[in-house]
Every structure is written in structure tokens, then in C-alpha cells.
Amino acid sequence: MNVKEVLQFADELVFAQTGKHLDDIQETVIKGVWQGETYDKIAEQCNRSESHVRDIGYKLWQVFSEQLDEDINKRNFRSTFKRLHIQSSQNQKICHVNGSNHNFHFSPQILYNTNQDNQENITKSQSKSPYHDLTLAPKITHFYDRTLELQTLSHWLTTQNPRLISVLGLSGIGKTTLVKQFVDLNLPQFDVIIWKSIKLSNSLDTIITEIFTLINHEPVQTDNKLTQLFNLLRQQKCLIILDDVQELFTSGQFAGQYKTEYKDYKTFFTKMTEIEHQSSLILIGQEQCQEMLCLDEELYPVKCLELEGVDNTEILKNLKLKDEESWPTLINLYEGNPVYLKDIASLIRNIFMGKVSEFLKEDCLLLTEDIKFRLNELFDRLSLIEQQIVVELSKFNQPVSREDLRQALSLSSTDLINGLQSLSKRYLLKTIEGEKISFNLSPVFTEYVRTCCQD
């Protein structure tokens, strides 16, 4: 079996699964693995990062495994394809090599094992066709430095089956990108995948109606919609993603306080952990609510993944910046936030001709209008007590103890502690343990408060 036959066979498998043919990078990965090359070597050939090439390979093995009903990975890819090639030549009715061009023909609907019991299993699996609605999910063009977090998410969802997962962190930190990358790599693992954004579909009743209408092509019964949804979660392995969950919570109050009209979500999230089913719900948001917290993993199937900034210059490689030796300093200055870095990179290209070292000579943490807009939205969500705390903290260049904050603000112990906890739930506050426990803000948010919020 030569490389041309391998690529044709792989292309037919991918097309049967996705409706798309192999792209150039996928072909390079398949050729490289077939020839025994490492992911690092393949990455050099296609001018991509090793993690990106590894993700492409993982996704290909998932497709091949699903289509061929075998566990295929990088180690056994070559031997498995060779064995199937030999079996196909022995059974011309299933799949055959013909003509002088040695084209390898494959019908994805018919697998190689013609055992009657296996054929019955295939028929059953085909009768339950998967449904994936990702129309509201973003398209991922680049995925940087989240290998560990992706492995954690994959381990939870493929081996532990938690019913509720929250992916939390500041705006722009990469929460949605991480979850979408997992979904792209694991489509065959779920019978149903639904992606919704609270900003676009904020009513739980509307979301449930849309889910049943899209899957069953008929409206859901008007009574007991939540009960019908849990019946679906029991009958099929579903993955539901809700993005922008912070939109359910009230601005001007402590973090995680539901708006009156969205109290049904609180019931839904709680029931997800209490009722027996085989499905999972992922919540993506900028602030925690009580249902997102796992107090006892032995009793409650809840997981929480909190994202911090990236610490890898790979994120800047496609942003057309110069002075690569200065990139770590730039990343540290903007806390590894991908959105902040992309925005400031645009400014550096336009004003400093892409020279990072020239930008750093300004010796200040510059906030673009887009960064200010994001932080202004975040500041407006804070309660009055939280706003007082962050304004006071922004006046110092070092961490401040709880006692000093209380004296400066004349707040009661209860108000101050609740305010500090709420800021932590919004990922704005850092706690430093020393002789005294003290607190400070992130550098970017500190600069924003100093320049925009003193009034």
C-alpha cells in the first residue's frame, strides 16, 4: 500500500464523516506519520506548531476510529491500514484494489468485518444518527498553549462523565476557544451536541424549545419542558454548551446573583447534578455562581476549570511582530491574555512598525480603546462595594492587607469580606499569602481603574 492509496483511503473516510476532503496540513500529517516521522518533524514541514499538528493528528485518528469501528492512533495507524488493505483485497465485494493505478476503494457504510453480529451492531449504530448544532460556536483558526487544559477537559468528559463543568476566567482569556477545540476533536463521542450563547438565546424555555425542534423537527410539548429535556439527556449522550453565562447574573450586585427572570437556570443547573443521566453541561463564563462550585467531588459530579493567561510566544507568531526576544516581556505585561495581545499587536504594527522593542521603550502599560471597552463592561458589573475596593487597591503599587482596606474604606467586616470574595469570583483579585494575607489587582485592570474609574 503506497502513500497515494493511503491518502485516498483517508480522504474517503474524512469525507464520509465531515463532508469535506483532506486539506494540505492533514495530508502532510498523514504522510509524515505513515513514513514514521515525529510530530515535531511534521510541524517543521508545514510551518506549524507541534501542538497544532498533534491536535490535527488526534482529530484524524478520531475520525478513522469512528468510521472503521477500531481504536486507531498514531502508533497503530500504519499497521491497521495495511491490515485493512490486505483484507479488502481478499474480499472484492467489500472493498478492492483495481486497475493499474492501484486506487483503494472504500465504502464507509460497509465495514471490513462481515461477521453477522457485527453487521447488526453497525445497523443499530447507523439508525441513531448524531445531531450536532454548532451554528453559534466560533470557528477556531489557531489554538495556542492550552494542551494541559485540553487534556484535563478531555479526561473529565471521556472518562469521568461529570454532569456539570464550568470553564471560567476573564474576558478574552480563551475559554470559548478551549471548549470549541475540545468539541472539534471529540464530535464522535456524543450523540447530540448543542452550542448556545446566553447573549443570543437568554430564555431557558426558548433554548429547550429550539433543541427539540432542531432534533425532532417538531415542537416540544408545552408542559414539563425541563422533564422532557432530562428524558433526552438520559436516552442519548448529549453535550450542551452554554456560553456567556455571566449574562444570567445581575449587574451592580455581588458575583453570581441571578436576575429574577433567570431563576429557572438555577434549578436547571442544580438538577443537572442531582438527576441520573449520561450527558454533560458546560458553562462558559466570567464569574462563578454557587452551582458551578464543587464542594465535594465524591458526592457531586461537578468540575471547574479556571483559565489563566498563556505563557508561550507561539501566540505572537502569526501577528507579524518583530524583535522576538522582546515577546516574553510583552506577554507578561499583558498577562498572557490572547485578546489583549492581539489588540496591542495591531497597535504595535500600525504605530511602531511591528517593533516590540520600540513599543516597550514607552515604559507604560498602554490600554487601547478595545481593551478599555472590555474592562468598562466588567467594571459596570461590579457592586458599589467592589468598586470602592478596586479603586482603593489601584492606589497602591504593592499588595494591601484586609485591615488596611477596612480602615481606608470604613467598611464593615462583612461587607469587605463579601466584596473580596465576589471580586475573586470574577477573577479580578489576587490573594497573596505572607506574614499577612494581602490583596492586589492584575496590572492591566489596575491601570484601567487608575485612568478611567477614579470618579
Protein backbone atom coordinates (compact mmCIF):
# COMPACT_ATOMS: atom_id res chain seq x y z
CA MET A 1 0.00 0.00 0.00
CA ASN A 2 1.64 3.25 -1.11
CA VAL A 3 1.21 6.80 0.18
CA LYS A 4 -1.17 7.73 -2.65
CA GLU A 5 -3.50 4.87 -1.73
CA VAL A 6 -3.31 5.79 1.95
CA LEU A 7 -4.25 9.40 1.22
CA GLN A 8 -7.16 8.36 -1.00
CA PHE A 9 -8.45 5.97 1.64
CA ALA A 10 -8.06 8.59 4.39
CA ASP A 11 -9.77 11.20 2.23
CA GLU A 12 -12.81 8.96 1.73
CA LEU A 13 -13.03 8.32 5.48
CA VAL A 14 -12.80 12.02 6.34
CA PHE A 15 -15.31 12.97 3.64
CA ALA A 16 -17.78 10.34 4.89
CA GLN A 17 -17.51 11.77 8.43
CA THR A 18 -17.32 15.53 7.76
CA GLY A 19 -18.42 16.14 4.19
CA LYS A 20 -15.02 17.75 3.50
CA HIS A 21 -11.89 16.47 1.76
CA LEU A 22 -8.42 16.46 3.30
CA ASP A 23 -6.67 19.82 3.40
CA ASP A 24 -2.93 20.32 2.83
CA ILE A 25 -1.94 20.13 6.51
CA GLN A 26 -3.98 16.97 7.09
CA GLU A 27 -2.28 15.33 4.09
CA THR A 28 1.14 16.36 5.43
CA VAL A 29 0.35 14.84 8.83
CA ILE A 30 -0.85 11.56 7.30
CA LYS A 31 2.20 11.33 5.02
CA GLY A 32 4.55 12.08 7.89
CA VAL A 33 3.03 9.55 10.28
CA TRP A 34 2.93 6.91 7.52
CA GLN A 35 6.67 7.48 6.96
CA GLY A 36 7.41 7.23 10.70
CA GLU A 37 8.16 10.91 11.34
CA THR A 38 7.59 12.64 14.68
CA TYR A 39 5.01 15.38 15.18
CA ASP A 40 7.89 17.83 15.71
CA LYS A 41 9.38 16.97 12.31
CA ILE A 42 5.98 17.21 10.62
CA ALA A 43 5.40 20.61 12.26
CA GLU A 44 8.63 21.92 10.69
CA GLN A 45 7.50 20.75 7.24
CA CYS A 46 4.16 22.59 7.37
CA ASN A 47 5.39 25.59 9.39
CA ARG A 48 3.01 24.97 12.28
CA SER A 49 3.48 24.38 15.99
CA GLU A 50 3.90 20.84 17.27
CA SER A 51 0.76 21.18 19.42
CA HIS A 52 -1.27 22.24 16.37
CA VAL A 53 -0.01 19.27 14.35
CA ARG A 54 -0.68 16.94 17.29
CA ASP A 55 -4.27 18.22 17.52
CA ILE A 56 -4.81 17.63 13.79
CA GLY A 57 -3.46 14.09 14.14
CA TYR A 58 -5.65 13.39 17.16
CA LYS A 59 -8.72 14.58 15.26
CA LEU A 60 -7.84 12.37 12.27
CA TRP A 61 -7.41 9.29 14.48
CA GLN A 62 -10.83 10.01 16.00
CA VAL A 63 -12.43 10.13 12.53
CA PHE A 64 -10.71 6.92 11.40
CA SER A 65 -11.68 5.14 14.61
CA GLU A 66 -15.32 6.16 14.22
CA GLN A 67 -15.55 5.20 10.55
CA LEU A 68 -13.70 1.89 10.84
CA ASP A 69 -15.03 0.86 14.24
CA GLU A 70 -11.48 0.33 15.53
CA ASP A 71 -9.26 2.14 18.01
CA ILE A 72 -6.76 3.91 15.75
CA ASN A 73 -3.91 6.11 16.95
CA LYS A 74 -0.50 7.34 15.77
CA ARG A 75 1.23 4.14 16.90
CA ASN A 76 -1.03 1.65 15.12
CA PHE A 77 -2.17 3.79 12.16
CA ARG A 78 0.22 2.24 9.63
CA SER A 79 -0.28 -1.38 10.71
CA THR A 80 -4.08 -1.02 10.83
CA PHE A 81 -4.34 0.50 7.34
CA LYS A 82 -2.04 -2.22 5.96
CA ARG A 83 -4.16 -4.96 7.53
CA LEU A 84 -7.39 -3.46 6.19
CA HIS A 85 -5.80 -3.13 2.77
CA ILE A 86 -4.95 -6.87 2.78
CA GLN A 87 -8.45 -7.81 4.00
CA SER A 88 -10.03 -5.66 1.31
CA SER A 89 -8.08 -7.39 -1.45
CA GLN A 90 -9.28 -10.76 -0.13
CA ASN A 91 -12.94 -9.74 -0.30
CA GLN A 92 -13.70 -7.91 -3.54
CA LYS A 93 -17.33 -7.39 -2.56
CA ILE A 94 -16.34 -5.21 0.35
CA CYS A 95 -13.53 -3.14 -0.97
CA HIS A 96 -10.96 -3.71 -3.68
CA VAL A 97 -7.86 -2.50 -5.47
CA ASN A 98 -8.32 -2.41 -9.20
CA GLY A 99 -6.61 -1.17 -12.33
CA SER A 100 -3.03 -0.24 -12.89
CA ASN A 101 -3.35 2.89 -10.74
CA HIS A 102 -3.93 0.76 -7.62
CA ASN A 103 -6.68 3.05 -6.32
CA PHE A 104 -8.01 1.86 -2.96
CA HIS A 105 -11.83 1.96 -2.95
CA PHE A 106 -13.78 2.07 0.26
CA SER A 107 -17.46 2.26 1.10
CA PRO A 108 -17.87 3.92 4.52
CA GLN A 109 -21.25 2.29 5.00
CA ILE A 110 -19.73 -1.23 4.91
CA LEU A 111 -17.01 -2.18 7.38
CA TYR A 112 -14.46 -4.89 6.85
CA ASN A 113 -15.62 -7.45 9.35
CA THR A 114 -18.51 -9.27 7.67
CA ASN A 115 -19.49 -11.18 10.78
CA GLN A 116 -23.31 -11.12 11.03
CA ASP A 117 -23.39 -9.94 14.64
CA ASN A 118 -21.07 -7.08 13.82
CA GLN A 119 -23.25 -6.05 10.89
CA GLU A 120 -26.26 -5.92 13.19
CA ASN A 121 -24.35 -3.63 15.55
CA ILE A 122 -23.42 -1.39 12.62
CA THR A 123 -27.05 -1.16 11.56
CA LYS A 124 -28.08 -0.19 15.07
CA SER A 125 -25.38 2.46 15.36
CA GLN A 126 -26.33 3.94 11.99
CA SER A 127 -30.01 4.09 12.92
CA LYS A 128 -29.20 6.58 15.68
CA SER A 129 -27.65 9.37 13.63
CA PRO A 130 -25.79 12.05 15.63
CA TYR A 131 -27.06 15.62 15.76
CA HIS A 132 -24.58 18.45 16.15
CA ASP A 133 -25.75 22.08 16.21
CA LEU A 134 -22.64 24.29 16.29
CA THR A 135 -24.00 27.22 14.31
CA LEU A 136 -23.38 29.61 17.24
CA ALA A 137 -19.93 28.23 18.05
CA PRO A 138 -16.84 30.15 16.87
CA LYS A 139 -14.51 28.88 14.18
CA ILE A 140 -11.05 28.12 15.58
CA THR A 141 -8.17 29.16 13.31
CA HIS A 142 -5.33 28.99 15.86
CA PHE A 143 -5.05 27.14 19.15
CA TYR A 144 -2.17 28.05 21.44
CA ASP A 145 -0.60 26.66 24.58
CA ARG A 146 -3.66 25.04 26.15
CA THR A 147 -2.55 21.42 25.82
CA LEU A 148 -2.76 20.70 29.54
CA GLU A 149 -6.19 22.32 29.91
CA LEU A 150 -7.44 20.46 26.82
CA GLN A 151 -6.19 17.17 28.24
CA THR A 152 -7.93 17.91 31.55
CA LEU A 153 -11.22 18.69 29.83
CA SER A 154 -10.92 15.60 27.63
CA HIS A 155 -10.13 13.38 30.63
CA TRP A 156 -13.17 14.63 32.52
CA LEU A 157 -15.61 14.22 29.65
CA THR A 158 -14.34 10.94 28.22
CA THR A 159 -13.58 9.02 31.42
CA GLN A 160 -15.31 10.64 34.41
CA ASN A 161 -18.55 11.84 32.79
CA PRO A 162 -19.23 14.85 35.05
CA ARG A 163 -22.69 16.29 34.54
CA LEU A 164 -21.71 19.92 35.05
CA ILE A 165 -18.44 21.60 34.05
CA SER A 166 -17.71 25.30 34.36
CA VAL A 167 -14.92 26.92 32.33
CA LEU A 168 -14.19 30.28 33.91
CA GLY A 169 -11.86 33.25 33.57
CA LEU A 170 -11.53 36.84 32.43
CA SER A 171 -12.92 38.08 29.13
CA GLY A 172 -10.59 37.20 26.24
CA ILE A 173 -8.60 34.61 28.18
CA GLY A 174 -9.57 31.76 25.79
CA LYS A 175 -12.47 29.92 27.47
CA THR A 176 -14.68 29.62 24.39
CA THR A 177 -11.72 28.69 22.17
CA LEU A 178 -10.70 25.88 24.52
CA VAL A 179 -14.18 24.35 24.65
CA LYS A 180 -14.65 24.62 20.88
CA GLN A 181 -11.29 22.91 20.33
CA PHE A 182 -12.42 20.04 22.54
CA VAL A 183 -15.71 19.76 20.64
CA ASP A 184 -13.96 19.75 17.26
CA LEU A 185 -11.72 16.90 18.39
CA ASN A 186 -14.46 14.83 20.02
CA LEU A 187 -17.56 15.10 17.83
CA PRO A 188 -18.00 11.29 17.54
CA GLN A 189 -18.12 10.92 21.34
CA PHE A 190 -21.62 12.41 21.63
CA ASP A 191 -24.99 11.64 20.07
CA VAL A 192 -26.13 15.23 20.44
CA ILE A 193 -24.06 18.43 20.73
CA ILE A 194 -25.80 21.78 21.21
CA TRP A 195 -23.98 25.13 21.48
CA LYS A 196 -25.94 28.14 22.74
CA SER A 197 -24.99 31.67 23.79
CA ILE A 198 -26.93 33.34 26.58
CA LYS A 199 -26.39 36.68 24.83
CA LEU A 200 -28.38 35.42 21.84
CA SER A 201 -30.85 32.98 23.45
CA ASN A 202 -31.27 34.03 27.07
CA SER A 203 -34.53 32.23 27.85
CA LEU A 204 -34.17 28.65 29.06
CA ASP A 205 -37.65 27.90 27.73
CA THR A 206 -36.59 29.14 24.30
CA ILE A 207 -33.37 27.11 24.35
CA ILE A 208 -35.21 23.87 25.24
CA THR A 209 -37.79 24.53 22.52
CA GLU A 210 -35.02 25.13 19.95
CA ILE A 211 -33.24 21.93 20.96
CA PHE A 212 -36.30 19.71 20.47
CA THR A 213 -37.41 21.48 17.31
CA LEU A 214 -33.99 21.01 15.71
CA ILE A 215 -33.54 17.37 16.79
CA ASN A 216 -37.10 16.08 16.30
CA HIS A 217 -38.21 18.59 13.66
CA GLU A 218 -41.35 19.22 15.70
CA PRO A 219 -42.22 21.48 18.64
CA VAL A 220 -41.74 20.26 22.20
CA GLN A 221 -44.83 19.78 24.35
CA THR A 222 -45.67 22.95 26.24
CA ASP A 223 -45.89 21.26 29.66
CA ASN A 224 -42.90 19.96 31.65
CA LYS A 225 -40.25 21.03 29.14
CA LEU A 226 -37.45 20.51 31.65
CA THR A 227 -38.66 16.95 32.30
CA GLN A 228 -38.63 16.25 28.57
CA LEU A 229 -35.10 17.63 28.33
CA PHE A 230 -33.85 15.30 31.07
CA ASN A 231 -35.51 12.37 29.29
CA LEU A 232 -33.39 13.26 26.26
CA LEU A 233 -30.25 13.52 28.43
CA ARG A 234 -30.95 10.01 29.75
CA GLN A 235 -31.73 8.41 26.38
CA GLN A 236 -28.80 9.87 24.46
CA LYS A 237 -25.29 11.03 25.33
CA CYS A 238 -25.62 14.78 24.95
CA LEU A 239 -23.20 17.65 25.36
CA ILE A 240 -24.79 21.07 25.87
CA ILE A 241 -22.60 24.18 25.93
CA LEU A 242 -23.89 27.48 27.29
CA ASP A 243 -21.58 30.42 26.57
CA ASP A 244 -21.65 33.90 28.22
CA VAL A 245 -23.28 32.54 31.38
CA GLN A 246 -22.45 35.80 33.22
CA GLU A 247 -25.38 37.36 31.33
CA LEU A 248 -27.71 35.44 33.69
CA PHE A 249 -26.40 37.42 36.66
CA THR A 250 -27.37 40.87 37.89
CA SER A 251 -25.03 43.83 37.39
CA GLY A 252 -24.37 46.00 40.43
CA GLN A 253 -24.56 43.08 42.87
CA PHE A 254 -22.07 40.54 44.14
CA ALA A 255 -21.00 37.90 41.59
CA GLY A 256 -23.32 35.04 40.66
CA GLN A 257 -26.65 36.61 41.72
CA TYR A 258 -29.32 35.50 39.24
CA LYS A 259 -31.61 38.00 37.57
CA THR A 260 -35.20 37.38 38.63
CA GLU A 261 -36.27 36.28 35.16
CA TYR A 262 -33.49 33.66 35.01
CA LYS A 263 -34.04 31.81 38.29
CA ASP A 264 -35.10 28.74 36.27
CA TYR A 265 -31.46 28.33 35.22
CA LYS A 266 -30.52 27.88 38.86
CA THR A 267 -32.99 24.98 39.05
CA PHE A 268 -31.69 23.55 35.77
CA PHE A 269 -28.02 23.65 36.85
CA THR A 270 -28.84 22.05 40.20
CA LYS A 271 -30.94 19.28 38.63
CA MET A 272 -28.12 18.52 36.18
CA THR A 273 -26.05 17.30 39.13
CA GLU A 274 -28.88 15.55 41.01
CA ILE A 275 -30.75 13.59 38.32
CA GLU A 276 -29.25 10.42 36.83
CA HIS A 277 -28.40 10.72 33.11
CA GLN A 278 -25.48 10.16 30.72
CA SER A 279 -24.97 13.73 29.46
CA SER A 280 -22.88 16.79 30.33
CA LEU A 281 -23.41 20.55 30.50
CA ILE A 282 -20.52 23.00 30.02
CA LEU A 283 -20.95 26.54 31.35
CA ILE A 284 -18.58 29.20 29.97
CA GLY A 285 -18.49 32.46 31.87
CA GLN A 286 -16.61 35.29 33.56
CA GLU A 287 -17.98 34.84 37.06
CA GLN A 288 -18.94 31.97 39.35
CA CYS A 289 -22.31 31.10 40.76
CA GLN A 290 -22.80 28.64 43.62
CA GLU A 291 -23.89 25.82 41.29
CA MET A 292 -20.53 25.99 39.48
CA LEU A 293 -18.54 25.23 42.63
CA CYS A 294 -17.67 21.66 43.54
CA LEU A 295 -17.60 21.33 47.32
CA ASP A 296 -17.31 17.53 47.37
CA GLU A 297 -16.29 15.69 44.21
CA GLU A 298 -17.21 12.38 45.82
CA LEU A 299 -20.86 13.44 46.10
CA TYR A 300 -21.39 15.91 43.27
CA PRO A 301 -20.38 15.34 39.62
CA VAL A 302 -19.20 18.94 39.15
CA LYS A 303 -15.87 20.16 37.73
CA CYS A 304 -14.44 23.67 37.47
CA LEU A 305 -11.64 24.68 35.08
CA GLU A 306 -10.25 28.16 35.72
CA LEU A 307 -8.13 29.65 32.94
CA GLU A 308 -5.19 32.00 33.37
CA GLY A 309 -3.15 33.71 30.68
CA VAL A 310 -0.88 31.84 28.27
CA ASP A 311 2.89 31.93 28.69
CA ASN A 312 4.12 30.99 25.24
CA THR A 313 5.46 33.19 22.44
CA GLU A 314 3.70 30.93 19.92
CA ILE A 315 0.65 33.17 20.30
CA LEU A 316 2.52 36.09 18.73
CA LYS A 317 3.98 34.23 15.73
CA ASN A 318 1.06 34.96 13.41
CA LEU A 319 0.70 38.61 14.48
CA LYS A 320 3.57 39.94 12.29
CA LEU A 321 5.64 41.38 15.13
CA LYS A 322 9.41 41.88 15.20
CA ASP A 323 12.03 41.60 17.97
CA GLU A 324 11.16 38.09 19.08
CA GLU A 325 13.48 38.38 22.06
CA SER A 326 11.10 41.04 23.47
CA TRP A 327 7.95 38.93 23.10
CA PRO A 328 8.08 37.34 26.59
CA THR A 329 8.15 40.82 28.14
CA LEU A 330 5.12 41.87 26.10
CA ILE A 331 3.23 38.70 27.06
CA ASN A 332 4.00 39.25 30.74
CA LEU A 333 2.95 42.91 30.54
CA TYR A 334 -0.49 41.98 29.21
CA GLU A 335 -0.83 38.90 31.43
CA GLY A 336 -0.93 36.42 28.56
CA ASN A 337 -4.48 37.42 27.64
CA PRO A 338 -4.87 36.44 23.94
CA VAL A 339 -7.37 39.20 23.14
CA TYR A 340 -5.28 41.91 24.82
CA LEU A 341 -2.18 40.71 22.98
CA LYS A 342 -3.87 40.63 19.57
CA ASP A 343 -5.22 44.12 20.14
CA ILE A 344 -1.91 45.59 21.29
CA ALA A 345 -0.11 43.79 18.43
CA SER A 346 -2.30 45.68 15.97
CA LEU A 347 -1.27 48.96 17.59
CA ILE A 348 2.42 47.97 17.51
CA ARG A 349 2.20 47.14 13.80
CA ASN A 350 0.49 50.42 12.95
CA ILE A 351 2.44 52.87 15.14
CA PHE A 352 5.76 51.13 15.83
CA MET A 353 6.19 49.29 12.50
CA GLY A 354 5.84 45.99 14.34
CA LYS A 355 8.88 46.64 16.54
CA VAL A 356 8.06 45.36 20.03
CA SER A 357 11.28 46.77 21.49
CA GLU A 358 10.29 50.28 20.39
CA PHE A 359 6.88 49.90 21.99
CA LEU A 360 8.41 48.71 25.26
CA LYS A 361 10.59 51.83 25.37
CA GLU A 362 7.44 53.78 26.17
CA ASP A 363 7.71 52.14 29.61
CA CYS A 364 3.99 52.23 30.28
CA LEU A 365 1.07 49.85 30.17
CA LEU A 366 -0.93 51.29 27.29
CA LEU A 367 -4.64 50.46 27.08
CA THR A 368 -6.29 50.51 23.68
CA GLU A 369 -9.89 51.61 23.29
CA ASP A 370 -10.97 47.98 22.75
CA ILE A 371 -9.29 46.88 25.98
CA LYS A 372 -10.89 49.80 27.83
CA PHE A 373 -14.29 48.85 26.41
CA ARG A 374 -13.98 45.26 27.69
CA LEU A 375 -12.85 46.40 31.13
CA ASN A 376 -15.54 49.07 31.30
CA GLU A 377 -18.20 46.39 30.79
CA LEU A 378 -16.59 44.41 33.59
CA PHE A 379 -16.35 47.38 35.96
CA ASP A 380 -20.02 48.24 35.38
CA ARG A 381 -21.00 44.77 36.58
CA LEU A 382 -19.38 45.32 39.98
CA SER A 383 -21.34 46.15 43.09
CA LEU A 384 -20.71 49.53 44.74
CA ILE A 385 -18.67 47.84 47.48
CA GLU A 386 -16.50 46.06 44.90
CA GLN A 387 -15.94 49.31 43.01
CA GLN A 388 -14.80 51.01 46.22
CA ILE A 389 -12.38 48.16 46.92
CA VAL A 390 -10.79 48.14 43.45
CA VAL A 391 -10.42 51.92 43.39
CA GLU A 392 -8.63 51.79 46.75
CA LEU A 393 -6.41 48.88 45.68
CA SER A 394 -5.43 50.71 42.47
CA LYS A 395 -3.81 53.48 44.55
CA PHE A 396 -1.03 51.15 45.71
CA ASN A 397 1.88 49.55 43.90
CA GLN A 398 2.05 46.69 46.38
CA PRO A 399 -0.48 44.27 47.92
CA VAL A 400 -2.76 45.68 50.62
CA SER A 401 -3.87 43.84 53.76
CA ARG A 402 -7.51 43.38 54.72
CA GLU A 403 -7.05 45.54 57.84
CA ASP A 404 -5.64 48.45 55.82
CA LEU A 405 -8.50 48.19 53.33
CA ARG A 406 -11.08 48.23 56.11
CA GLN A 407 -9.61 51.36 57.68
CA ALA A 408 -9.31 53.17 54.35
CA LEU A 409 -12.85 52.36 53.23
CA SER A 410 -14.73 52.33 56.55
CA LEU A 411 -16.49 49.13 55.52
CA SER A 412 -17.84 46.56 57.93
CA SER A 413 -16.02 43.22 58.09
CA THR A 414 -18.99 41.51 56.43
CA ASP A 415 -19.15 43.94 53.50
CA LEU A 416 -15.40 43.90 52.95
CA ILE A 417 -15.09 40.09 53.06
CA ASN A 418 -18.10 39.61 50.79
CA GLY A 419 -16.69 42.19 48.39
CA LEU A 420 -13.29 40.49 48.29
CA GLN A 421 -14.91 37.10 47.70
CA SER A 422 -17.03 38.47 44.88
CA LEU A 423 -14.00 40.03 43.17
CA SER A 424 -12.26 36.66 43.41
CA LYS A 425 -15.26 35.01 41.73
CA ARG A 426 -14.81 37.50 38.87
CA TYR A 427 -11.06 36.67 38.59
CA LEU A 428 -10.08 40.29 39.27
CA LEU A 429 -8.45 39.84 42.68
CA LYS A 430 -5.20 38.11 43.56
CA THR A 431 -4.58 36.87 47.11
CA ILE A 432 -1.01 36.89 48.39
CA GLU A 433 -0.08 34.77 51.37
CA GLY A 434 2.70 36.14 53.56
CA GLU A 435 3.14 37.40 57.08
CA LYS A 436 -0.25 38.99 56.48
CA ILE A 437 -2.78 37.92 53.86
CA SER A 438 -2.97 40.74 51.34
CA PHE A 439 -4.63 41.54 48.03
CA ASN A 440 -3.96 43.27 44.75
CA LEU A 441 -5.40 43.59 41.25
CA SER A 442 -3.96 42.46 37.95
CA PRO A 443 -1.68 45.09 36.33
CA VAL A 444 -3.99 45.67 33.33
CA PHE A 445 -7.10 46.13 35.47
CA THR A 446 -5.15 48.33 37.91
CA GLU A 447 -4.13 50.64 35.06
CA TYR A 448 -7.70 50.77 33.81
CA VAL A 449 -9.09 51.69 37.25
CA ARG A 450 -6.40 54.35 37.76
CA THR A 451 -7.03 56.04 34.43
CA CYS A 452 -10.77 55.57 33.94
CA CYS A 453 -12.55 54.99 37.26
CA GLN A 454 -11.30 57.40 39.90
CA ASP A 455 -14.59 59.32 39.85
